Amino acid sequence: IRWVLIGDDGQHDEEIYGEFALDT
């Protein structure tokens, strides 16, 4: 599965999702 990751720009979602995309 390739996931669409949905969050908001308040605090950490961008960092978490971006690092996950790089690591996997």
mmCIF file of all heavy atoms, coordinates in Angstrom:
data_MODEL
# 
_entry.id   MODEL 
# 
loop_
_atom_site.group_PDB 
_atom_site.id 
_atom_site.type_symbol 
_atom_site.label_atom_id 
_atom_site.label_alt_id 
_atom_site.label_comp_id 
_atom_site.label_asym_id 
_atom_site.label_entity_id 
_atom_site.label_seq_id 
_atom_site.pdbx_PDB_ins_code 
_atom_site.Cartn_x 
_atom_site.Cartn_y 
_atom_site.Cartn_z 
_atom_site.occupancy 
_atom_site.B_iso_or_equiv 
_atom_site.pdbx_formal_charge 
_atom_site.auth_seq_id 
_atom_site.auth_comp_id 
_atom_site.auth_asym_id 
_atom_site.auth_atom_id 
_atom_site.pdbx_PDB_model_num 
ATOM 1   N N   . ILE A 1 1  ? 0.837  -1.207 0.000  1.00 0.00 ? 1  ILE A N   1 
ATOM 2   C CA  . ILE A 1 1  ? 0.000  0.000  0.000  1.00 0.00 ? 1  ILE A CA  1 
ATOM 3   C C   . ILE A 1 1  ? 0.868  1.252  0.000  1.00 0.00 ? 1  ILE A C   1 
ATOM 4   O O   . ILE A 1 1  ? 1.845  1.356  0.737  1.00 0.00 ? 1  ILE A O   1 
ATOM 5   C CB  . ILE A 1 1  ? -0.938 0.012  1.235  1.00 0.00 ? 1  ILE A CB  1 
ATOM 6   C CG1 . ILE A 1 1  ? -1.977 -1.100 1.122  1.00 0.00 ? 1  ILE A CG1 1 
ATOM 7   C CG2 . ILE A 1 1  ? -1.637 1.362  1.359  1.00 0.00 ? 1  ILE A CG2 1 
ATOM 8   C CD1 . ILE A 1 1  ? -2.968 -1.130 2.283  1.00 0.00 ? 1  ILE A CD1 1 
ATOM 9   N N   . ARG A 1 2  ? 0.480  2.202  -0.845 1.00 0.00 ? 2  ARG A N   1 
ATOM 10  C CA  . ARG A 1 2  ? 1.062  3.546  -0.813 1.00 0.00 ? 2  ARG A CA  1 
ATOM 11  C C   . ARG A 1 2  ? 0.013  4.471  -0.196 1.00 0.00 ? 2  ARG A C   1 
ATOM 12  O O   . ARG A 1 2  ? -1.114 4.557  -0.665 1.00 0.00 ? 2  ARG A O   1 
ATOM 13  C CB  . ARG A 1 2  ? 1.445  4.001  -2.217 1.00 0.00 ? 2  ARG A CB  1 
ATOM 14  C CG  . ARG A 1 2  ? 2.552  3.145  -2.847 1.00 0.00 ? 2  ARG A CG  1 
ATOM 15  C CD  . ARG A 1 2  ? 2.799  3.598  -4.278 1.00 0.00 ? 2  ARG A CD  1 
ATOM 16  N NE  . ARG A 1 2  ? 3.328  4.947  -4.316 1.00 0.00 ? 2  ARG A NE  1 
ATOM 17  C CZ  . ARG A 1 2  ? 3.149  5.780  -5.348 1.00 0.00 ? 2  ARG A CZ  1 
ATOM 18  N NH1 . ARG A 1 2  ? 2.410  5.412  -6.391 1.00 0.00 ? 2  ARG A NH1 1 
ATOM 19  N NH2 . ARG A 1 2  ? 3.668  6.998  -5.323 1.00 0.00 ? 2  ARG A NH2 1 
ATOM 20  N N   . TRP A 1 3  ? 0.410  5.178  0.853  1.00 0.00 ? 3  TRP A N   1 
ATOM 21  C CA  . TRP A 1 3  ? -0.533 5.913  1.676  1.00 0.00 ? 3  TRP A CA  1 
ATOM 22  C C   . TRP A 1 3  ? -0.610 7.386  1.301  1.00 0.00 ? 3  TRP A C   1 
ATOM 23  O O   . TRP A 1 3  ? 0.416  8.006  0.984  1.00 0.00 ? 3  TRP A O   1 
ATOM 24  C CB  . TRP A 1 3  ? -0.131 5.806  3.149  1.00 0.00 ? 3  TRP A CB  1 
ATOM 25  C CG  . TRP A 1 3  ? -0.110 4.404  3.665  1.00 0.00 ? 3  TRP A CG  1 
ATOM 26  C CD1 . TRP A 1 3  ? 0.950  3.531  3.653  1.00 0.00 ? 3  TRP A CD1 1 
ATOM 27  C CD2 . TRP A 1 3  ? -1.210 3.694  4.257  1.00 0.00 ? 3  TRP A CD2 1 
ATOM 28  N NE1 . TRP A 1 3  ? 0.580  2.330  4.207  1.00 0.00 ? 3  TRP A NE1 1 
ATOM 29  C CE2 . TRP A 1 3  ? -0.731 2.402  4.582  1.00 0.00 ? 3  TRP A CE2 1 
ATOM 30  C CE3 . TRP A 1 3  ? -2.526 4.024  4.556  1.00 0.00 ? 3  TRP A CE3 1 
ATOM 31  C CZ2 . TRP A 1 3  ? -1.547 1.449  5.190  1.00 0.00 ? 3  TRP A CZ2 1 
ATOM 32  C CZ3 . TRP A 1 3  ? -3.333 3.079  5.162  1.00 0.00 ? 3  TRP A CZ3 1 
ATOM 33  C CH2 . TRP A 1 3  ? -2.847 1.809  5.467  1.00 0.00 ? 3  TRP A CH2 1 
ATOM 34  N N   . VAL A 1 4  ? -1.808 7.936  1.372  1.00 0.00 ? 4  VAL A N   1 
ATOM 35  C CA  . VAL A 1 4  ? -1.996 9.390  1.390  1.00 0.00 ? 4  VAL A CA  1 
ATOM 36  C C   . VAL A 1 4  ? -2.029 9.794  2.859  1.00 0.00 ? 4  VAL A C   1 
ATOM 37  O O   . VAL A 1 4  ? -2.890 9.331  3.613  1.00 0.00 ? 4  VAL A O   1 
ATOM 38  C CB  . VAL A 1 4  ? -3.297 9.807  0.677  1.00 0.00 ? 4  VAL A CB  1 
ATOM 39  C CG1 . VAL A 1 4  ? -3.539 11.306 0.864  1.00 0.00 ? 4  VAL A CG1 1 
ATOM 40  C CG2 . VAL A 1 4  ? -3.221 9.484  -0.803 1.00 0.00 ? 4  VAL A CG2 1 
ATOM 41  N N   . LEU A 1 5  ? -1.096 10.639 3.266  1.00 0.00 ? 5  LEU A N   1 
ATOM 42  C CA  . LEU A 1 5  ? -0.983 11.063 4.659  1.00 0.00 ? 5  LEU A CA  1 
ATOM 43  C C   . LEU A 1 5  ? -1.586 12.457 4.799  1.00 0.00 ? 5  LEU A C   1 
ATOM 44  O O   . LEU A 1 5  ? -1.161 13.393 4.115  1.00 0.00 ? 5  LEU A O   1 
ATOM 45  C CB  . LEU A 1 5  ? 0.487  11.076 5.093  1.00 0.00 ? 5  LEU A CB  1 
ATOM 46  C CG  . LEU A 1 5  ? 1.283  9.787  4.833  1.00 0.00 ? 5  LEU A CG  1 
ATOM 47  C CD1 . LEU A 1 5  ? 2.730  9.963  5.290  1.00 0.00 ? 5  LEU A CD1 1 
ATOM 48  C CD2 . LEU A 1 5  ? 0.636  8.603  5.534  1.00 0.00 ? 5  LEU A CD2 1 
ATOM 49  N N   . ILE A 1 6  ? -2.581 12.592 5.680  1.00 0.00 ? 6  ILE A N   1 
ATOM 50  C CA  . ILE A 1 6  ? -3.315 13.846 5.815  1.00 0.00 ? 6  ILE A CA  1 
ATOM 51  C C   . ILE A 1 6  ? -3.127 14.394 7.224  1.00 0.00 ? 6  ILE A C   1 
ATOM 52  O O   . ILE A 1 6  ? -3.327 13.683 8.212  1.00 0.00 ? 6  ILE A O   1 
ATOM 53  C CB  . ILE A 1 6  ? -4.820 13.631 5.533  1.00 0.00 ? 6  ILE A CB  1 
ATOM 54  C CG1 . ILE A 1 6  ? -5.013 12.991 4.156  1.00 0.00 ? 6  ILE A CG1 1 
ATOM 55  C CG2 . ILE A 1 6  ? -5.578 14.950 5.609  1.00 0.00 ? 6  ILE A CG2 1 
ATOM 56  C CD1 . ILE A 1 6  ? -6.440 12.581 3.866  1.00 0.00 ? 6  ILE A CD1 1 
ATOM 57  N N   . GLY A 1 7  ? -2.740 15.662 7.304  1.00 0.00 ? 7  GLY A N   1 
ATOM 58  C CA  . GLY A 1 7  ? -2.542 16.300 8.605  1.00 0.00 ? 7  GLY A CA  1 
ATOM 59  C C   . GLY A 1 7  ? -2.737 17.791 8.497  1.00 0.00 ? 7  GLY A C   1 
ATOM 60  O O   . GLY A 1 7  ? -3.394 18.289 7.576  1.00 0.00 ? 7  GLY A O   1 
ATOM 61  N N   . ASP A 1 8  ? -2.145 18.543 9.440  1.00 0.00 ? 8  ASP A N   1 
ATOM 62  C CA  . ASP A 1 8  ? -2.243 20.006 9.404  1.00 0.00 ? 8  ASP A CA  1 
ATOM 63  C C   . ASP A 1 8  ? -0.871 20.596 9.680  1.00 0.00 ? 8  ASP A C   1 
ATOM 64  O O   . ASP A 1 8  ? 0.068  19.885 10.057 1.00 0.00 ? 8  ASP A O   1 
ATOM 65  C CB  . ASP A 1 8  ? -3.283 20.499 10.422 1.00 0.00 ? 8  ASP A CB  1 
ATOM 66  C CG  . ASP A 1 8  ? -2.909 20.134 11.849 1.00 0.00 ? 8  ASP A CG  1 
ATOM 67  O OD1 . ASP A 1 8  ? -2.040 20.812 12.425 1.00 0.00 ? 8  ASP A OD1 1 
ATOM 68  O OD2 . ASP A 1 8  ? -3.475 19.163 12.389 1.00 0.00 ? 8  ASP A OD2 1 
ATOM 69  N N   . ASP A 1 9  ? -0.762 21.920 9.456  1.00 0.00 ? 9  ASP A N   1 
ATOM 70  C CA  . ASP A 1 9  ? 0.546  22.567 9.604  1.00 0.00 ? 9  ASP A CA  1 
ATOM 71  C C   . ASP A 1 9  ? 0.749  23.175 10.979 1.00 0.00 ? 9  ASP A C   1 
ATOM 72  O O   . ASP A 1 9  ? 1.584  24.057 11.165 1.00 0.00 ? 9  ASP A O   1 
ATOM 73  C CB  . ASP A 1 9  ? 0.766  23.619 8.513  1.00 0.00 ? 9  ASP A CB  1 
ATOM 74  C CG  . ASP A 1 9  ? -0.229 24.779 8.579  1.00 0.00 ? 9  ASP A CG  1 
ATOM 75  O OD1 . ASP A 1 9  ? -1.128 24.743 9.437  1.00 0.00 ? 9  ASP A OD1 1 
ATOM 76  O OD2 . ASP A 1 9  ? -0.099 25.718 7.777  1.00 0.00 ? 9  ASP A OD2 1 
ATOM 77  N N   . GLY A 1 10 ? -0.002 22.715 11.969 1.00 0.00 ? 10 GLY A N   1 
ATOM 78  C CA  . GLY A 1 10 ? 0.221  23.155 13.340 1.00 0.00 ? 10 GLY A CA  1 
ATOM 79  C C   . GLY A 1 10 ? 1.154  22.184 14.040 1.00 0.00 ? 10 GLY A C   1 
ATOM 80  O O   . GLY A 1 10 ? 0.754  21.107 14.466 1.00 0.00 ? 10 GLY A O   1 
ATOM 81  N N   . GLN A 1 11 ? 2.405  22.517 14.134 1.00 0.00 ? 11 GLN A N   1 
ATOM 82  C CA  . GLN A 1 11 ? 3.408  21.723 14.848 1.00 0.00 ? 11 GLN A CA  1 
ATOM 83  C C   . GLN A 1 11 ? 4.055  20.616 14.014 1.00 0.00 ? 11 GLN A C   1 
ATOM 84  O O   . GLN A 1 11 ? 4.804  20.922 13.102 1.00 0.00 ? 11 GLN A O   1 
ATOM 85  C CB  . GLN A 1 11 ? 2.835  21.173 16.162 1.00 0.00 ? 11 GLN A CB  1 
ATOM 86  C CG  . GLN A 1 11 ? 2.328  22.261 17.114 1.00 0.00 ? 11 GLN A CG  1 
ATOM 87  C CD  . GLN A 1 11 ? 3.420  23.184 17.611 1.00 0.00 ? 11 GLN A CD  1 
ATOM 88  O OE1 . GLN A 1 11 ? 4.451  22.732 18.074 1.00 0.00 ? 11 GLN A OE1 1 
ATOM 89  N NE2 . GLN A 1 11 ? 3.204  24.471 17.506 1.00 0.00 ? 11 GLN A NE2 1 
ATOM 90  N N   . HIS A 1 12 ? 3.728  19.324 14.214 1.00 0.00 ? 12 HIS A N   1 
ATOM 91  C CA  . HIS A 1 12 ? 4.644  18.260 13.823 1.00 0.00 ? 12 HIS A CA  1 
ATOM 92  C C   . HIS A 1 12 ? 4.235  17.364 12.650 1.00 0.00 ? 12 HIS A C   1 
ATOM 93  O O   . HIS A 1 12 ? 5.017  16.516 12.243 1.00 0.00 ? 12 HIS A O   1 
ATOM 94  C CB  . HIS A 1 12 ? 4.915  17.353 15.033 1.00 0.00 ? 12 HIS A CB  1 
ATOM 95  C CG  . HIS A 1 12 ? 5.528  18.067 16.195 1.00 0.00 ? 12 HIS A CG  1 
ATOM 96  N ND1 . HIS A 1 12 ? 6.721  18.761 16.111 1.00 0.00 ? 12 HIS A ND1 1 
ATOM 97  C CD2 . HIS A 1 12 ? 5.102  18.203 17.480 1.00 0.00 ? 12 HIS A CD2 1 
ATOM 98  C CE1 . HIS A 1 12 ? 7.016  19.283 17.296 1.00 0.00 ? 12 HIS A CE1 1 
ATOM 99  N NE2 . HIS A 1 12 ? 6.047  18.969 18.136 1.00 0.00 ? 12 HIS A NE2 1 
ATOM 100 N N   . ASP A 1 13 ? 3.022  17.465 12.138 1.00 0.00 ? 13 ASP A N   1 
ATOM 101 C CA  . ASP A 1 13 ? 2.599  16.526 11.100 1.00 0.00 ? 13 ASP A CA  1 
ATOM 102 C C   . ASP A 1 13 ? 3.512  16.544 9.880  1.00 0.00 ? 13 ASP A C   1 
ATOM 103 O O   . ASP A 1 13 ? 3.858  15.493 9.329  1.00 0.00 ? 13 ASP A O   1 
ATOM 104 C CB  . ASP A 1 13 ? 1.158  16.807 10.668 1.00 0.00 ? 13 ASP A CB  1 
ATOM 105 C CG  . ASP A 1 13 ? 0.140  16.276 11.671 1.00 0.00 ? 13 ASP A CG  1 
ATOM 106 O OD1 . ASP A 1 13 ? 0.540  15.509 12.566 1.00 0.00 ? 13 ASP A OD1 1 
ATOM 107 O OD2 . ASP A 1 13 ? -1.041 16.634 11.567 1.00 0.00 ? 13 ASP A OD2 1 
ATOM 108 N N   . GLU A 1 14 ? 3.913  17.736 9.449  1.00 0.00 ? 14 GLU A N   1 
ATOM 109 C CA  . GLU A 1 14 ? 4.774  17.831 8.272  1.00 0.00 ? 14 GLU A CA  1 
ATOM 110 C C   . GLU A 1 14 ? 6.107  17.113 8.495  1.00 0.00 ? 14 GLU A C   1 
ATOM 111 O O   . GLU A 1 14 ? 6.586  16.380 7.619  1.00 0.00 ? 14 GLU A O   1 
ATOM 112 C CB  . GLU A 1 14 ? 5.023  19.295 7.918  1.00 0.00 ? 14 GLU A CB  1 
ATOM 113 C CG  . GLU A 1 14 ? 3.804  20.024 7.374  1.00 0.00 ? 14 GLU A CG  1 
ATOM 114 C CD  . GLU A 1 14 ? 4.057  21.511 7.232  1.00 0.00 ? 14 GLU A CD  1 
ATOM 115 O OE1 . GLU A 1 14 ? 4.126  22.197 8.274  1.00 0.00 ? 14 GLU A OE1 1 
ATOM 116 O OE2 . GLU A 1 14 ? 4.192  21.975 6.089  1.00 0.00 ? 14 GLU A OE2 1 
ATOM 117 N N   . GLU A 1 15 ? 6.708  17.324 9.653  1.00 0.00 ? 15 GLU A N   1 
ATOM 118 C CA  . GLU A 1 15 ? 7.985  16.664 9.951  1.00 0.00 ? 15 GLU A CA  1 
ATOM 119 C C   . GLU A 1 15 ? 7.826  15.146 10.002 1.00 0.00 ? 15 GLU A C   1 
ATOM 120 O O   . GLU A 1 15 ? 8.633  14.403 9.428  1.00 0.00 ? 15 GLU A O   1 
ATOM 121 C CB  . GLU A 1 15 ? 8.535  17.166 11.286 1.00 0.00 ? 15 GLU A CB  1 
ATOM 122 C CG  . GLU A 1 15 ? 8.972  18.608 11.301 1.00 0.00 ? 15 GLU A CG  1 
ATOM 123 C CD  . GLU A 1 15 ? 9.507  18.989 12.677 1.00 0.00 ? 15 GLU A CD  1 
ATOM 124 O OE1 . GLU A 1 15 ? 10.457 18.333 13.137 1.00 0.00 ? 15 GLU A OE1 1 
ATOM 125 O OE2 . GLU A 1 15 ? 8.952  19.910 13.292 1.00 0.00 ? 15 GLU A OE2 1 
ATOM 126 N N   . ILE A 1 16 ? 6.799  14.704 10.702 1.00 0.00 ? 16 ILE A N   1 
ATOM 127 C CA  . ILE A 1 16 ? 6.588  13.262 10.869 1.00 0.00 ? 16 ILE A CA  1 
ATOM 128 C C   . ILE A 1 16 ? 6.344  12.600 9.524  1.00 0.00 ? 16 ILE A C   1 
ATOM 129 O O   . ILE A 1 16 ? 6.956  11.575 9.185  1.00 0.00 ? 16 ILE A O   1 
ATOM 130 C CB  . ILE A 1 16 ? 5.399  13.004 11.818 1.00 0.00 ? 16 ILE A CB  1 
ATOM 131 C CG1 . ILE A 1 16 ? 5.733  13.490 13.235 1.00 0.00 ? 16 ILE A CG1 1 
ATOM 132 C CG2 . ILE A 1 16 ? 5.038  11.521 11.846 1.00 0.00 ? 16 ILE A CG2 1 
ATOM 133 C CD1 . ILE A 1 16 ? 4.557  13.494 14.183 1.00 0.00 ? 16 ILE A CD1 1 
ATOM 134 N N   . TYR A 1 17 ? 5.452  13.172 8.723  1.00 0.00 ? 17 TYR A N   1 
ATOM 135 C CA  . TYR A 1 17 ? 5.128  12.584 7.431  1.00 0.00 ? 17 TYR A CA  1 
ATOM 136 C C   . TYR A 1 17 ? 6.321  12.649 6.475  1.00 0.00 ? 17 TYR A C   1 
ATOM 137 O O   . TYR A 1 17 ? 6.595  11.704 5.732  1.00 0.00 ? 17 TYR A O   1 
ATOM 138 C CB  . TYR A 1 17 ? 3.930  13.312 6.805  1.00 0.00 ? 17 TYR A CB  1 
ATOM 139 C CG  . TYR A 1 17 ? 2.608  13.067 7.508  1.00 0.00 ? 17 TYR A CG  1 
ATOM 140 C CD1 . TYR A 1 17 ? 1.497  13.888 7.255  1.00 0.00 ? 17 TYR A CD1 1 
ATOM 141 C CD2 . TYR A 1 17 ? 2.449  12.039 8.440  1.00 0.00 ? 17 TYR A CD2 1 
ATOM 142 C CE1 . TYR A 1 17 ? 0.278  13.679 7.891  1.00 0.00 ? 17 TYR A CE1 1 
ATOM 143 C CE2 . TYR A 1 17 ? 1.238  11.823 9.080  1.00 0.00 ? 17 TYR A CE2 1 
ATOM 144 C CZ  . TYR A 1 17 ? 0.152  12.652 8.798  1.00 0.00 ? 17 TYR A CZ  1 
ATOM 145 O OH  . TYR A 1 17 ? -1.055 12.433 9.418  1.00 0.00 ? 17 TYR A OH  1 
ATOM 146 N N   . GLY A 1 18 ? 7.034  13.783 6.488  1.00 0.00 ? 18 GLY A N   1 
ATOM 147 C CA  . GLY A 1 18 ? 8.182  13.915 5.593  1.00 0.00 ? 18 GLY A CA  1 
ATOM 148 C C   . GLY A 1 18 ? 9.282  12.924 5.911  1.00 0.00 ? 18 GLY A C   1 
ATOM 149 O O   . GLY A 1 18 ? 9.858  12.301 5.007  1.00 0.00 ? 18 GLY A O   1 
ATOM 150 N N   . GLU A 1 19 ? 9.578  12.752 7.195  1.00 0.00 ? 19 GLU A N   1 
ATOM 151 C CA  . GLU A 1 19 ? 10.610 11.798 7.594  1.00 0.00 ? 19 GLU A CA  1 
ATOM 152 C C   . GLU A 1 19 ? 10.184 10.364 7.279  1.00 0.00 ? 19 GLU A C   1 
ATOM 153 O O   . GLU A 1 19 ? 11.010 9.542  6.865  1.00 0.00 ? 19 GLU A O   1 
ATOM 154 C CB  . GLU A 1 19 ? 10.921 11.958 9.078  1.00 0.00 ? 19 GLU A CB  1 
ATOM 155 C CG  . GLU A 1 19 ? 11.623 13.267 9.403  1.00 0.00 ? 19 GLU A CG  1 
ATOM 156 C CD  . GLU A 1 19 ? 11.795 13.488 10.894 1.00 0.00 ? 19 GLU A CD  1 
ATOM 157 O OE1 . GLU A 1 19 ? 11.438 12.570 11.672 1.00 0.00 ? 19 GLU A OE1 1 
ATOM 158 O OE2 . GLU A 1 19 ? 12.270 14.580 11.291 1.00 0.00 ? 19 GLU A OE2 1 
ATOM 159 N N   . PHE A 1 20 ? 8.905  10.071 7.460  1.00 0.00 ? 20 PHE A N   1 
ATOM 160 C CA  . PHE A 1 20 ? 8.415  8.734  7.130  1.00 0.00 ? 20 PHE A CA  1 
ATOM 161 C C   . PHE A 1 20 ? 8.555  8.467  5.634  1.00 0.00 ? 20 PHE A C   1 
ATOM 162 O O   . PHE A 1 20 ? 8.954  7.362  5.221  1.00 0.00 ? 20 PHE A O   1 
ATOM 163 C CB  . PHE A 1 20 ? 6.949  8.605  7.557  1.00 0.00 ? 20 PHE A CB  1 
ATOM 164 C CG  . PHE A 1 20 ? 6.301  7.309  7.142  1.00 0.00 ? 20 PHE A CG  1 
ATOM 165 C CD1 . PHE A 1 20 ? 6.661  6.109  7.740  1.00 0.00 ? 20 PHE A CD1 1 
ATOM 166 C CD2 . PHE A 1 20 ? 5.327  7.287  6.151  1.00 0.00 ? 20 PHE A CD2 1 
ATOM 167 C CE1 . PHE A 1 20 ? 6.064  4.905  7.360  1.00 0.00 ? 20 PHE A CE1 1 
ATOM 168 C CE2 . PHE A 1 20 ? 4.725  6.101  5.768  1.00 0.00 ? 20 PHE A CE2 1 
ATOM 169 C CZ  . PHE A 1 20 ? 5.089  4.908  6.371  1.00 0.00 ? 20 PHE A CZ  1 
ATOM 170 N N   . ALA A 1 21 ? 8.247  9.462  4.807  1.00 0.00 ? 21 ALA A N   1 
ATOM 171 C CA  . ALA A 1 21 ? 8.383  9.301  3.354  1.00 0.00 ? 21 ALA A CA  1 
ATOM 172 C C   . ALA A 1 21 ? 9.835  9.060  2.952  1.00 0.00 ? 21 ALA A C   1 
ATOM 173 O O   . ALA A 1 21 ? 10.123 8.273  2.045  1.00 0.00 ? 21 ALA A O   1 
ATOM 174 C CB  . ALA A 1 21 ? 7.830  10.527 2.636  1.00 0.00 ? 21 ALA A CB  1 
ATOM 175 N N   . LEU A 1 22 ? 10.773 9.726  3.641  1.00 0.00 ? 22 LEU A N   1 
ATOM 176 C CA  . LEU A 1 22 ? 12.194 9.532  3.355  1.00 0.00 ? 22 LEU A CA  1 
ATOM 177 C C   . LEU A 1 22 ? 12.683 8.160  3.814  1.00 0.00 ? 22 LEU A C   1 
ATOM 178 O O   . LEU A 1 22 ? 13.464 7.504  3.123  1.00 0.00 ? 22 LEU A O   1 
ATOM 179 C CB  . LEU A 1 22 ? 13.027 10.622 4.038  1.00 0.00 ? 22 LEU A CB  1 
ATOM 180 C CG  . LEU A 1 22 ? 13.043 12.007 3.395  1.00 0.00 ? 22 LEU A CG  1 
ATOM 181 C CD1 . LEU A 1 22 ? 13.784 12.986 4.284  1.00 0.00 ? 22 LEU A CD1 1 
ATOM 182 C CD2 . LEU A 1 22 ? 13.693 11.951 2.005  1.00 0.00 ? 22 LEU A CD2 1 
ATOM 183 N N   . ASP A 1 23 ? 12.205 7.731  4.977  1.00 0.00 ? 23 ASP A N   1 
ATOM 184 C CA  . ASP A 1 23 ? 12.684 6.479  5.566  1.00 0.00 ? 23 ASP A CA  1 
ATOM 185 C C   . ASP A 1 23 ? 12.084 5.241  4.906  1.00 0.00 ? 23 ASP A C   1 
ATOM 186 O O   . ASP A 1 23 ? 12.669 4.151  4.985  1.00 0.00 ? 23 ASP A O   1 
ATOM 187 C CB  . ASP A 1 23 ? 12.373 6.448  7.068  1.00 0.00 ? 23 ASP A CB  1 
ATOM 188 C CG  . ASP A 1 23 ? 13.135 7.507  7.839  1.00 0.00 ? 23 ASP A CG  1 
ATOM 189 O OD1 . ASP A 1 23 ? 14.149 7.998  7.315  1.00 0.00 ? 23 ASP A OD1 1 
ATOM 190 O OD2 . ASP A 1 23 ? 12.704 7.853  8.960  1.00 0.00 ? 23 ASP A OD2 1 
ATOM 191 N N   . THR A 1 24 ? 10.906 5.379  4.302  1.00 0.00 ? 24 THR A N   1 
ATOM 192 C CA  . THR A 1 24 ? 10.222 4.231  3.702  1.00 0.00 ? 24 THR A CA  1 
ATOM 193 C C   . THR A 1 24 ? 9.861  4.547  2.251  1.00 0.00 ? 24 THR A C   1 
ATOM 194 O O   . THR A 1 24 ? 8.680  4.765  1.940  1.00 0.00 ? 24 THR A O   1 
ATOM 195 C CB  . THR A 1 24 ? 8.958  3.851  4.496  1.00 0.00 ? 24 THR A CB  1 
ATOM 196 O OG1 . THR A 1 24 ? 8.083  4.990  4.549  1.00 0.00 ? 24 THR A OG1 1 
ATOM 197 C CG2 . THR A 1 24 ? 9.303  3.419  5.906  1.00 0.00 ? 24 THR A CG2 1 
# 
